[in-house]
Amino acid sequence: MSIWNDNVKRLLKSELVRRGISNSELSELLSQIGVNETKSSIDSKISRGTFSASFFLQCLTAIGCEKIEFQEYESQLSMVAEPQVEYKPKN
């Protein structure tokens, strides 16, 4: 995953954590603004970190985020960082 994908994924996750919003709740909030996404599709998009700018803006709008402080965001990266462990599938 590119560093840019990882950064935007962490940024979205940190905004959700800050507001105490789960992906299930995000799905409901998105539907209120006319965006139909299931919890599973949100889980997948955020996990991959390869969602569109439109999806990112839709999520921020749905959760009521009007401003992002990038300086503040940089200090939050470790708060929502994913473990750097390589997962191996079971045979």
Protein backbone atom coordinates (compact mmCIF):
# COMPACT_ATOMS: atom_id res chain seq x y z
CA MET A 1 0.00 0.00 0.00
CA SER A 2 1.36 3.42 -0.85
CA ILE A 3 2.11 5.89 1.91
CA TRP A 4 -0.62 8.16 0.52
CA ASN A 5 -3.28 5.44 0.72
CA ASP A 6 -2.14 4.60 4.23
CA ASN A 7 -2.27 8.26 5.30
CA VAL A 8 -5.78 8.90 3.97
CA LYS A 9 -7.01 5.66 5.52
CA ARG A 10 -5.60 6.70 8.89
CA LEU A 11 -7.03 10.19 8.54
CA LEU A 12 -10.54 8.85 7.95
CA LYS A 13 -10.19 6.31 10.76
CA SER A 14 -8.97 8.97 13.18
CA GLU A 15 -11.96 11.20 12.38
CA LEU A 16 -14.31 8.28 13.00
CA VAL A 17 -12.58 7.38 16.28
CA ARG A 18 -12.60 11.01 17.40
CA ARG A 19 -16.38 11.08 17.00
CA GLY A 20 -17.00 7.55 18.28
CA ILE A 21 -18.58 6.46 15.01
CA SER A 22 -18.43 2.83 13.92
CA ASN A 23 -18.48 1.72 10.29
CA SER A 24 -22.02 0.46 10.83
CA GLU A 25 -23.07 3.90 12.05
CA LEU A 26 -21.19 5.50 9.16
CA SER A 27 -23.29 3.41 6.78
CA GLU A 28 -26.45 4.83 8.35
CA LEU A 29 -25.13 8.39 8.26
CA LEU A 30 -24.16 8.02 4.60
CA SER A 31 -27.63 6.78 3.72
CA GLN A 32 -29.06 9.94 5.30
CA ILE A 33 -27.21 11.99 2.68
CA GLY A 34 -28.21 9.66 -0.17
CA VAL A 35 -25.09 7.50 -0.34
CA ASN A 36 -25.81 3.78 -0.23
CA GLU A 37 -22.90 1.87 1.27
CA THR A 38 -23.09 -1.26 3.38
CA LYS A 39 -20.98 -1.80 6.48
CA SER A 40 -19.10 -4.50 4.57
CA SER A 41 -18.28 -2.22 1.65
CA ILE A 42 -17.10 0.50 4.06
CA ASP A 43 -14.97 -2.02 5.96
CA SER A 44 -13.39 -3.14 2.70
CA LYS A 45 -12.74 0.34 1.33
CA ILE A 46 -11.18 1.63 4.53
CA SER A 47 -9.14 -1.53 5.01
CA ARG A 48 -7.68 -1.24 1.49
CA GLY A 49 -7.22 2.50 1.74
CA THR A 50 -7.96 2.85 -1.96
CA PHE A 51 -11.27 4.67 -1.83
CA SER A 52 -12.10 7.60 -4.04
CA ALA A 53 -11.86 11.24 -3.05
CA SER A 54 -15.64 11.36 -3.47
CA PHE A 55 -16.12 8.59 -0.90
CA PHE A 56 -13.72 10.36 1.48
CA LEU A 57 -15.65 13.64 1.18
CA GLN A 58 -18.98 11.86 1.53
CA CYS A 59 -17.78 10.25 4.78
CA LEU A 60 -16.47 13.54 6.17
CA THR A 61 -19.76 15.25 5.29
CA ALA A 62 -21.84 12.46 6.82
CA ILE A 63 -19.96 12.59 10.13
CA GLY A 64 -20.10 16.37 10.29
CA CYS A 65 -16.41 17.04 9.76
CA GLU A 66 -16.07 20.57 8.47
CA LYS A 67 -12.37 21.11 9.01
CA ILE A 68 -9.26 18.94 9.15
CA GLU A 69 -6.15 20.15 10.92
CA PHE A 70 -3.29 18.33 9.22
CA GLN A 71 -0.81 19.36 11.88
CA GLU A 72 -3.07 17.81 14.52
CA TYR A 73 -3.65 14.80 12.26
CA GLU A 74 0.06 13.99 12.12
CA SER A 75 0.12 13.42 15.88
CA GLN A 76 -2.88 11.08 15.63
CA LEU A 77 -1.32 8.70 13.13
CA SER A 78 0.05 6.43 15.83
CA MET A 79 -3.34 6.39 17.59
CA VAL A 80 -5.01 4.51 14.73
CA ALA A 81 -1.96 2.85 13.24
CA GLU A 82 -2.41 -0.70 12.13
CA PRO A 83 0.09 -3.30 13.22
CA GLN A 84 2.93 -3.80 10.79
CA VAL A 85 2.55 -7.57 10.83
CA GLU A 86 2.48 -9.66 7.70
CA TYR A 87 -0.50 -12.01 7.83
CA LYS A 88 -0.10 -15.50 6.46
CA PRO A 89 -3.17 -17.49 5.42
CA LYS A 90 -3.78 -20.85 7.05
CA ASN A 91 -3.54 -23.85 4.78
